[in-house]
Amino acid sequence: MNAIIIVFIVVGLPIIMGIGFAAYERHLKFKEKQLKAISSETAEKAAQYAAHTERLEQRVRVLERIVTDKGIDVADEIEKLRDAPLN
């Protein structure tokens, strides 16, 4: 009976530990790939948001220029549009 326990400790236990470690390594590699995919997607979304923000900022600059250049004329034009009948 002691021989079976010794054989298990000397042979079986290292094999079981090796299989467990290999499974753990595969799990870690999977998690690493998953994190790379998520970070890539996040970077792509950040770039899209930055481009969208830049377009909005350009539009605001144009509107600011229109308002500051024409000032009173813009207010008059808005009032004329309010008074105009809708088609």
Protein backbone atom coordinates (compact mmCIF):
# COMPACT_ATOMS: atom_id res chain seq x y z
CA MET A 1 0.00 0.00 0.00
CA ASN A 2 2.85 2.40 0.79
CA ALA A 3 4.38 1.66 -2.62
CA ILE A 4 1.21 2.81 -4.39
CA ILE A 5 1.21 6.06 -2.45
CA ILE A 6 4.90 6.66 -3.21
CA VAL A 7 4.34 5.92 -6.94
CA PHE A 8 1.40 8.33 -6.96
CA ILE A 9 3.45 11.05 -5.27
CA VAL A 10 6.50 10.53 -7.49
CA VAL A 11 4.73 9.97 -10.84
CA GLY A 12 1.07 10.94 -10.66
CA LEU A 13 1.26 14.19 -8.77
CA PRO A 14 3.77 15.86 -11.14
CA ILE A 15 1.72 14.73 -14.14
CA ILE A 16 -1.48 16.16 -12.66
CA MET A 17 0.31 19.40 -11.74
CA GLY A 18 1.77 19.65 -15.27
CA ILE A 19 -1.65 19.21 -16.87
CA GLY A 20 -3.13 21.81 -14.54
CA PHE A 21 -0.33 24.27 -15.31
CA ALA A 22 -0.77 23.76 -19.07
CA ALA A 23 -4.49 24.48 -18.76
CA TYR A 24 -3.75 27.60 -16.73
CA GLU A 25 -1.25 28.81 -19.37
CA ARG A 26 -3.87 28.35 -22.12
CA HIS A 27 -6.34 30.34 -20.02
CA LEU A 28 -3.81 33.16 -19.57
CA LYS A 29 -3.06 33.27 -23.32
CA PHE A 30 -6.79 33.46 -24.06
CA LYS A 31 -7.22 36.33 -21.59
CA GLU A 32 -4.25 38.14 -23.12
CA LYS A 33 -5.75 37.88 -26.62
CA GLN A 34 -9.09 39.04 -25.26
CA LEU A 35 -7.50 42.10 -23.64
CA LYS A 36 -5.63 42.97 -26.84
CA ALA A 37 -8.87 42.82 -28.82
CA ILE A 38 -10.68 45.01 -26.30
CA SER A 39 -7.87 47.57 -26.18
CA SER A 40 -7.71 47.69 -29.97
CA GLU A 41 -11.46 48.28 -30.15
CA THR A 42 -11.24 50.96 -27.47
CA ALA A 43 -8.44 52.76 -29.31
CA GLU A 44 -10.46 52.70 -32.52
CA LYS A 45 -13.52 54.15 -30.78
CA ALA A 46 -11.38 56.85 -29.16
CA ALA A 47 -10.04 57.84 -32.58
CA GLN A 48 -13.58 58.01 -33.97
CA TYR A 49 -14.73 60.19 -31.06
CA ALA A 50 -11.72 62.47 -31.52
CA ALA A 51 -12.49 62.89 -35.22
CA HIS A 52 -16.14 63.59 -34.47
CA THR A 53 -15.19 66.14 -31.82
CA GLU A 54 -12.84 67.86 -34.25
CA ARG A 55 -15.63 68.14 -36.84
CA LEU A 56 -17.97 69.62 -34.24
CA GLU A 57 -15.33 72.11 -33.12
CA GLN A 58 -14.83 73.22 -36.73
CA ARG A 59 -18.56 73.76 -37.12
CA VAL A 60 -18.69 75.80 -33.90
CA ARG A 61 -15.77 77.94 -35.12
CA VAL A 62 -17.67 78.66 -38.35
CA LEU A 63 -20.79 79.59 -36.40
CA GLU A 64 -18.78 81.84 -34.09
CA ARG A 65 -17.25 83.57 -37.10
CA ILE A 66 -20.66 84.08 -38.69
CA VAL A 67 -22.09 85.55 -35.52
CA THR A 68 -19.14 87.81 -34.78
CA ASP A 69 -18.73 88.98 -38.39
CA LYS A 70 -22.38 89.81 -39.07
CA GLY A 71 -23.73 90.32 -35.55
CA ILE A 72 -26.91 92.36 -35.95
CA ASP A 73 -27.53 91.19 -39.52
CA VAL A 74 -27.90 87.59 -38.31
CA ALA A 75 -30.50 88.58 -35.72
CA ASP A 76 -32.47 90.46 -38.40
CA GLU A 77 -32.33 87.46 -40.74
CA ILE A 78 -33.59 85.14 -37.97
CA GLU A 79 -36.50 87.49 -37.28
CA LYS A 80 -37.36 87.60 -41.01
CA LEU A 81 -37.39 83.80 -41.09
CA ARG A 82 -39.77 83.71 -38.11
CA ASP A 83 -42.18 86.06 -39.85
CA ALA A 84 -42.02 84.21 -43.19
CA PRO A 85 -44.91 81.80 -43.85
CA LEU A 86 -44.12 78.09 -43.85
CA ASN A 87 -44.67 76.23 -47.14
